[in-house]
Amino acid sequence: MVSMKKWFLLFGQVLLLFGFTWVGKGIASFLPIPVPGSLIGLLLLFICLHNGWVRLKWVEAGATLLFSQMILFFVPSLVGMMQYPWLLGGKGLLVLIVVVSGCALVMVSTGVVAERLFKRGEVKQLDPVENV
């Protein structure tokens, strides 16, 4: 059984990741550039990891947990499409093709990159809860 301490550490890591997202969104609201705040937050996290200001072990298990549950983040956007019935017509078919092919391309490319990194031994597979 997983201890409560590990769950709290995991929760703290996820909060730290969301903190970078919120900071990025705050920066994006002040800058006149068309870049989403979440990408700015991701860039800030990358810079902090690269410079050693944030250690990988501070966010690794939380990121692994979020990646393992990523499909749940796409459900609200798909349900939201039901509010726009015109998307289900002729234009909707084109939108559906773009969305499905884009998702498939992302899933395949992520799988290929992850598999190659695992084979090279650069990345080890983590259990998001046990490795906190």
N, C-alpha and C. Protein backbone atom coordinates (compact mmCIF):
# COMPACT_ATOMS: atom_id res chain seq x y z
N MET A 1 0.84 -1.19 0.00
CA MET A 1 0.00 0.00 0.00
C MET A 1 0.89 1.25 0.00
N VAL A 2 0.45 2.23 -0.73
CA VAL A 2 1.22 3.46 -0.86
C VAL A 2 0.94 4.35 0.34
N SER A 3 1.98 4.90 0.90
CA SER A 3 1.81 5.73 2.09
C SER A 3 1.26 7.10 1.73
N MET A 4 0.67 7.72 2.72
CA MET A 4 0.11 9.07 2.53
C MET A 4 1.21 10.07 2.22
N LYS A 5 2.40 9.85 2.77
CA LYS A 5 3.51 10.77 2.51
C LYS A 5 3.83 10.81 1.02
N LYS A 6 3.82 9.64 0.38
CA LYS A 6 4.11 9.60 -1.06
C LYS A 6 3.03 10.32 -1.86
N TRP A 7 1.77 10.15 -1.44
CA TRP A 7 0.69 10.84 -2.14
C TRP A 7 0.81 12.35 -1.99
N PHE A 8 1.17 12.82 -0.80
CA PHE A 8 1.34 14.27 -0.60
C PHE A 8 2.52 14.81 -1.41
N LEU A 9 3.60 14.04 -1.50
CA LEU A 9 4.74 14.46 -2.32
C LEU A 9 4.33 14.52 -3.79
N LEU A 10 3.57 13.54 -4.24
CA LEU A 10 3.08 13.52 -5.61
C LEU A 10 2.17 14.72 -5.87
N PHE A 11 1.29 15.01 -4.93
CA PHE A 11 0.40 16.16 -5.04
C PHE A 11 1.21 17.45 -5.12
N GLY A 12 2.25 17.57 -4.32
CA GLY A 12 3.11 18.76 -4.35
C GLY A 12 3.81 18.92 -5.69
N GLN A 13 4.23 17.80 -6.28
CA GLN A 13 4.88 17.88 -7.59
C GLN A 13 3.91 18.34 -8.67
N VAL A 14 2.69 17.83 -8.62
CA VAL A 14 1.68 18.26 -9.59
C VAL A 14 1.36 19.74 -9.39
N LEU A 15 1.28 20.19 -8.15
CA LEU A 15 1.04 21.62 -7.88
C LEU A 15 2.18 22.48 -8.42
N LEU A 16 3.41 22.00 -8.29
CA LEU A 16 4.56 22.74 -8.83
C LEU A 16 4.45 22.87 -10.34
N LEU A 17 4.05 21.79 -11.01
CA LEU A 17 3.88 21.84 -12.46
C LEU A 17 2.76 22.81 -12.85
N PHE A 18 1.65 22.76 -12.11
CA PHE A 18 0.57 23.71 -12.38
C PHE A 18 1.00 25.14 -12.07
N GLY A 19 1.87 25.31 -11.09
CA GLY A 19 2.38 26.64 -10.77
C GLY A 19 3.12 27.25 -11.95
N PHE A 20 3.92 26.45 -12.64
CA PHE A 20 4.61 26.95 -13.83
C PHE A 20 3.60 27.33 -14.91
N THR A 21 2.52 26.56 -15.02
CA THR A 21 1.48 26.88 -16.00
C THR A 21 0.83 28.21 -15.66
N TRP A 22 0.50 28.40 -14.39
CA TRP A 22 -0.16 29.65 -13.97
C TRP A 22 0.75 30.85 -14.16
N VAL A 23 2.03 30.70 -13.86
CA VAL A 23 2.98 31.80 -14.07
C VAL A 23 3.07 32.11 -15.56
N GLY A 24 3.13 31.07 -16.38
CA GLY A 24 3.17 31.28 -17.83
C GLY A 24 1.94 31.99 -18.35
N LYS A 25 0.78 31.63 -17.81
CA LYS A 25 -0.46 32.31 -18.23
C LYS A 25 -0.45 33.77 -17.78
N GLY A 26 0.10 34.03 -16.61
CA GLY A 26 0.20 35.41 -16.15
C GLY A 26 1.12 36.23 -17.04
N ILE A 27 2.23 35.65 -17.43
CA ILE A 27 3.15 36.35 -18.33
C ILE A 27 2.49 36.58 -19.69
N ALA A 28 1.78 35.57 -20.19
CA ALA A 28 1.13 35.70 -21.50
C ALA A 28 0.06 36.78 -21.51
N SER A 29 -0.58 37.01 -20.37
CA SER A 29 -1.62 38.04 -20.32
C SER A 29 -1.02 39.45 -20.42
N PHE A 30 0.26 39.60 -20.07
CA PHE A 30 0.91 40.90 -20.15
C PHE A 30 1.68 41.13 -21.44
N LEU A 31 2.08 40.05 -22.10
CA LEU A 31 2.87 40.19 -23.32
C LEU A 31 1.97 40.22 -24.55
N PRO A 32 2.29 41.06 -25.51
CA PRO A 32 1.47 41.12 -26.72
C PRO A 32 1.90 40.10 -27.78
N ILE A 33 2.17 38.88 -27.37
CA ILE A 33 2.57 37.85 -28.33
C ILE A 33 1.50 36.75 -28.34
N PRO A 34 1.27 36.14 -29.50
CA PRO A 34 0.22 35.12 -29.61
C PRO A 34 0.71 33.72 -29.22
N VAL A 35 1.28 33.59 -28.02
CA VAL A 35 1.76 32.30 -27.53
C VAL A 35 0.95 31.95 -26.28
N PRO A 36 0.41 30.74 -26.23
CA PRO A 36 -0.37 30.36 -25.05
C PRO A 36 0.48 30.37 -23.78
N GLY A 37 -0.14 30.73 -22.69
CA GLY A 37 0.57 30.80 -21.41
C GLY A 37 1.11 29.45 -20.96
N SER A 38 0.41 28.38 -21.32
CA SER A 38 0.88 27.06 -20.93
C SER A 38 2.22 26.74 -21.59
N LEU A 39 2.41 27.19 -22.82
CA LEU A 39 3.70 26.98 -23.49
C LEU A 39 4.79 27.84 -22.86
N ILE A 40 4.45 29.03 -22.46
CA ILE A 40 5.42 29.87 -21.76
C ILE A 40 5.81 29.22 -20.44
N GLY A 41 4.84 28.67 -19.72
CA GLY A 41 5.12 27.97 -18.48
C GLY A 41 6.00 26.75 -18.71
N LEU A 42 5.76 26.02 -19.79
CA LEU A 42 6.59 24.87 -20.13
C LEU A 42 8.01 25.31 -20.45
N LEU A 43 8.16 26.42 -21.14
CA LEU A 43 9.48 26.96 -21.43
C LEU A 43 10.19 27.38 -20.14
N LEU A 44 9.46 28.01 -19.23
CA LEU A 44 10.05 28.38 -17.94
C LEU A 44 10.51 27.15 -17.16
N LEU A 45 9.69 26.10 -17.17
CA LEU A 45 10.07 24.86 -16.49
C LEU A 45 11.33 24.28 -17.13
N PHE A 46 11.39 24.28 -18.45
CA PHE A 46 12.58 23.77 -19.15
C PHE A 46 13.82 24.57 -18.76
N ILE A 47 13.70 25.88 -18.73
CA ILE A 47 14.85 26.73 -18.36
C ILE A 47 15.28 26.44 -16.93
N CYS A 48 14.31 26.32 -16.03
CA CYS A 48 14.63 26.03 -14.62
C CYS A 48 15.26 24.65 -14.45
N LEU A 49 14.79 23.67 -15.20
CA LEU A 49 15.40 22.34 -15.15
C LEU A 49 16.80 22.35 -15.73
N HIS A 50 16.96 23.03 -16.85
CA HIS A 50 18.26 23.10 -17.52
C HIS A 50 19.32 23.78 -16.65
N ASN A 51 18.93 24.83 -15.96
CA ASN A 51 19.87 25.58 -15.13
C ASN A 51 20.03 25.01 -13.73
N GLY A 52 19.25 23.99 -13.40
CA GLY A 52 19.37 23.37 -12.08
C GLY A 52 18.62 24.08 -10.98
N TRP A 53 17.79 25.05 -11.33
CA TRP A 53 17.01 25.76 -10.32
C TRP A 53 15.88 24.87 -9.79
N VAL A 54 15.41 23.98 -10.64
CA VAL A 54 14.42 22.97 -10.27
C VAL A 54 15.04 21.62 -10.58
N ARG A 55 15.03 20.73 -9.61
CA ARG A 55 15.60 19.40 -9.82
C ARG A 55 14.54 18.49 -10.45
N LEU A 56 15.00 17.58 -11.30
CA LEU A 56 14.09 16.68 -11.98
C LEU A 56 13.28 15.84 -10.99
N LYS A 57 13.89 15.44 -9.90
CA LYS A 57 13.16 14.61 -8.93
C LYS A 57 12.04 15.37 -8.25
N TRP A 58 12.04 16.70 -8.35
CA TRP A 58 10.96 17.50 -7.77
C TRP A 58 9.68 17.42 -8.60
N VAL A 59 9.80 17.09 -9.89
CA VAL A 59 8.63 17.09 -10.77
C VAL A 59 8.45 15.79 -11.55
N GLU A 60 9.38 14.88 -11.47
CA GLU A 60 9.37 13.70 -12.33
C GLU A 60 8.15 12.80 -12.09
N ALA A 61 7.88 12.44 -10.86
CA ALA A 61 6.75 11.55 -10.58
C ALA A 61 5.41 12.23 -10.89
N GLY A 62 5.31 13.51 -10.60
CA GLY A 62 4.08 14.24 -10.91
C GLY A 62 3.83 14.33 -12.41
N ALA A 63 4.90 14.56 -13.18
CA ALA A 63 4.77 14.61 -14.63
C ALA A 63 4.40 13.23 -15.19
N THR A 64 4.98 12.19 -14.62
CA THR A 64 4.66 10.83 -15.06
C THR A 64 3.19 10.53 -14.81
N LEU A 65 2.69 10.93 -13.66
CA LEU A 65 1.28 10.72 -13.36
C LEU A 65 0.39 11.48 -14.34
N LEU A 66 0.71 12.72 -14.62
CA LEU A 66 -0.10 13.51 -15.55
C LEU A 66 -0.06 12.93 -16.96
N PHE A 67 1.11 12.47 -17.40
CA PHE A 67 1.20 11.87 -18.73
C PHE A 67 0.42 10.57 -18.81
N SER A 68 0.42 9.80 -17.72
CA SER A 68 -0.30 8.53 -17.75
C SER A 68 -1.81 8.75 -17.79
N GLN A 69 -2.28 9.90 -17.36
CA GLN A 69 -3.71 10.19 -17.36
C GLN A 69 -4.08 11.21 -18.44
N MET A 70 -3.24 11.40 -19.43
CA MET A 70 -3.42 12.45 -20.42
C MET A 70 -4.73 12.34 -21.19
N ILE A 71 -5.21 11.13 -21.44
CA ILE A 71 -6.44 10.99 -22.22
C ILE A 71 -7.62 11.69 -21.53
N LEU A 72 -7.59 11.76 -20.20
CA LEU A 72 -8.68 12.42 -19.48
C LEU A 72 -8.73 13.92 -19.77
N PHE A 73 -7.59 14.50 -20.17
CA PHE A 73 -7.56 15.93 -20.46
C PHE A 73 -8.20 16.26 -21.80
N PHE A 74 -8.36 15.26 -22.67
CA PHE A 74 -8.97 15.49 -23.97
C PHE A 74 -10.49 15.32 -23.95
N VAL A 75 -11.02 14.65 -22.94
CA VAL A 75 -12.46 14.40 -22.88
C VAL A 75 -13.27 15.70 -22.84
N PRO A 76 -12.93 16.70 -22.01
CA PRO A 76 -13.75 17.93 -21.99
C PRO A 76 -13.81 18.64 -23.34
N SER A 77 -12.73 18.62 -24.10
CA SER A 77 -12.76 19.29 -25.40
C SER A 77 -13.68 18.55 -26.37
N LEU A 78 -13.70 17.23 -26.29
CA LEU A 78 -14.59 16.47 -27.16
C LEU A 78 -16.05 16.66 -26.77
N VAL A 79 -16.32 16.71 -25.48
CA VAL A 79 -17.69 16.95 -25.02
C VAL A 79 -18.12 18.37 -25.38
N GLY A 80 -17.19 19.31 -25.32
CA GLY A 80 -17.49 20.69 -25.67
C GLY A 80 -17.93 20.87 -27.11
N MET A 81 -17.50 19.96 -27.98
CA MET A 81 -17.90 20.04 -29.39
C MET A 81 -19.40 19.86 -29.56
N MET A 82 -20.04 19.21 -28.61
CA MET A 82 -21.49 18.98 -28.72
C MET A 82 -22.27 20.29 -28.62
N GLN A 83 -21.65 21.34 -28.13
CA GLN A 83 -22.31 22.63 -28.04
C GLN A 83 -22.38 23.32 -29.40
N TYR A 84 -21.65 22.83 -30.37
CA TYR A 84 -21.58 23.45 -31.69
C TYR A 84 -22.02 22.44 -32.75
N PRO A 85 -23.33 22.31 -32.98
CA PRO A 85 -23.81 21.28 -33.91
C PRO A 85 -23.34 21.49 -35.35
N TRP A 86 -23.00 22.71 -35.73
CA TRP A 86 -22.53 22.93 -37.10
C TRP A 86 -21.22 22.20 -37.36
N LEU A 87 -20.48 21.89 -36.28
CA LEU A 87 -19.24 21.13 -36.45
C LEU A 87 -19.50 19.70 -36.90
N LEU A 88 -20.73 19.25 -36.72
CA LEU A 88 -21.04 17.88 -37.10
C LEU A 88 -21.47 17.77 -38.55
N GLY A 89 -21.54 18.89 -39.29
CA GLY A 89 -21.91 18.88 -40.70
C GLY A 89 -20.69 18.65 -41.57
N GLY A 90 -20.69 19.27 -42.76
CA GLY A 90 -19.60 19.12 -43.72
C GLY A 90 -18.28 19.65 -43.19
N LYS A 91 -18.34 20.82 -42.57
CA LYS A 91 -17.12 21.37 -41.97
C LYS A 91 -16.67 20.52 -40.80
N GLY A 92 -17.64 19.95 -40.12
CA GLY A 92 -17.33 19.11 -38.97
C GLY A 92 -16.53 17.88 -39.36
N LEU A 93 -16.80 17.34 -40.54
CA LEU A 93 -16.04 16.18 -41.01
C LEU A 93 -14.58 16.55 -41.23
N LEU A 94 -14.35 17.72 -41.79
CA LEU A 94 -12.97 18.18 -41.97
C LEU A 94 -12.29 18.41 -40.63
N VAL A 95 -13.02 19.02 -39.69
CA VAL A 95 -12.46 19.24 -38.35
C VAL A 95 -12.15 17.91 -37.69
N LEU A 96 -13.05 16.95 -37.84
CA LEU A 96 -12.85 15.62 -37.25
C LEU A 96 -11.61 14.94 -37.85
N ILE A 97 -11.44 15.05 -39.14
CA ILE A 97 -10.26 14.46 -39.79
C ILE A 97 -8.98 15.09 -39.26
N VAL A 98 -8.98 16.41 -39.14
CA VAL A 98 -7.80 17.10 -38.63
C VAL A 98 -7.51 16.71 -37.18
N VAL A 99 -8.56 16.67 -36.35
CA VAL A 99 -8.37 16.34 -34.94
C VAL A 99 -7.88 14.90 -34.78
N VAL A 100 -8.52 13.97 -35.46
CA VAL A 100 -8.14 12.55 -35.32
C VAL A 100 -6.74 12.31 -35.87
N SER A 101 -6.44 12.88 -37.03
CA SER A 101 -5.10 12.67 -37.59
C SER A 101 -4.03 13.36 -36.73
N GLY A 102 -4.35 14.52 -36.19
CA GLY A 102 -3.40 15.20 -35.30
C GLY A 102 -3.14 14.41 -34.04
N CYS A 103 -4.21 13.89 -33.43
CA CYS A 103 -4.04 13.07 -32.22
C CYS A 103 -3.25 11.81 -32.53
N ALA A 104 -3.56 11.18 -33.65
CA ALA A 104 -2.84 9.95 -34.02
C ALA A 104 -1.37 10.25 -34.27
N LEU A 105 -1.08 11.35 -34.93
CA LEU A 105 0.31 11.71 -35.20
C LEU A 105 1.07 11.97 -33.90
N VAL A 106 0.44 12.67 -32.97
CA VAL A 106 1.08 12.94 -31.68
C VAL A 106 1.30 11.65 -30.91
N MET A 107 0.32 10.78 -30.89
CA MET A 107 0.45 9.52 -30.15
C MET A 107 1.53 8.63 -30.76
N VAL A 108 1.58 8.53 -32.07
CA VAL A 108 2.58 7.69 -32.72
C VAL A 108 3.97 8.26 -32.52
N SER A 109 4.13 9.56 -32.71
CA SER A 109 5.46 10.15 -32.56
C SER A 109 5.94 10.08 -31.12
N THR A 110 5.04 10.27 -30.16
CA THR A 110 5.41 10.14 -28.75
C THR A 110 5.83 8.71 -28.44
N GLY A 111 5.10 7.74 -28.95
CA GLY A 111 5.45 6.34 -28.74
C GLY A 111 6.79 5.98 -29.33
N VAL A 112 7.06 6.47 -30.54
CA VAL A 112 8.33 6.16 -31.20
C VAL A 112 9.50 6.78 -30.42
N VAL A 113 9.36 8.02 -30.02
CA VAL A 113 10.43 8.68 -29.27
C VAL A 113 10.65 7.99 -27.93
N ALA A 114 9.57 7.68 -27.22
CA ALA A 114 9.70 7.02 -25.92
C ALA A 114 10.35 5.64 -26.07
N GLU A 115 9.95 4.90 -27.07
CA GLU A 115 10.53 3.57 -27.29
C GLU A 115 12.02 3.67 -27.58
N ARG A 116 12.40 4.62 -28.40
CA ARG A 116 13.83 4.78 -28.70
C ARG A 116 14.64 5.20 -27.48
N LEU A 117 14.06 6.07 -26.66
CA LEU A 117 14.76 6.49 -25.44
C LEU A 117 14.88 5.33 -24.45
N PHE A 118 13.84 4.51 -24.35
CA PHE A 118 13.91 3.34 -23.47
C PHE A 118 14.97 2.36 -23.96
N LYS A 119 15.04 2.13 -25.28
CA LYS A 119 16.01 1.20 -25.83
C LYS A 119 17.44 1.70 -25.63
N ARG A 120 17.63 3.00 -25.73
CA ARG A 120 18.97 3.57 -25.55
C ARG A 120 19.37 3.61 -24.08
N GLY A 121 18.41 3.42 -23.20
CA GLY A 121 18.70 3.42 -21.77
C GLY A 121 18.79 4.80 -21.17
N GLU A 122 18.37 5.81 -21.90
CA GLU A 122 18.44 7.17 -21.38
C GLU A 122 17.30 7.48 -20.42
N VAL A 123 16.22 6.72 -20.54
CA VAL A 123 15.05 6.96 -19.71
C VAL A 123 14.62 5.63 -19.12
N LYS A 124 14.29 5.65 -17.83
CA LYS A 124 13.74 4.45 -17.21
C LYS A 124 12.26 4.64 -17.00
N GLN A 125 11.52 3.54 -17.08
CA GLN A 125 10.09 3.62 -16.89
C GLN A 125 9.80 3.79 -15.41
N LEU A 126 8.92 4.72 -15.08
CA LEU A 126 8.61 5.04 -13.70
C LEU A 126 7.18 4.68 -13.36
N ASP A 127 7.00 4.23 -12.13
CA ASP A 127 5.67 4.12 -11.56
C ASP A 127 5.44 5.44 -10.85
N PRO A 128 4.40 6.21 -11.23
CA PRO A 128 4.25 7.57 -10.70
C PRO A 128 4.09 7.64 -9.18
N VAL A 129 3.62 6.60 -8.55
CA VAL A 129 3.40 6.66 -7.12
C VAL A 129 4.57 6.06 -6.35
N GLU A 130 5.12 4.97 -6.83
CA GLU A 130 6.16 4.26 -6.10
C GLU A 130 7.50 5.00 -6.10
N ASN A 131 7.74 5.89 -7.05
CA ASN A 131 9.04 6.53 -7.16
C ASN A 131 9.06 7.94 -6.60
N VAL A 132 8.16 8.25 -5.73
CA VAL A 132 8.13 9.60 -5.13
C VAL A 132 9.14 9.67 -4.03
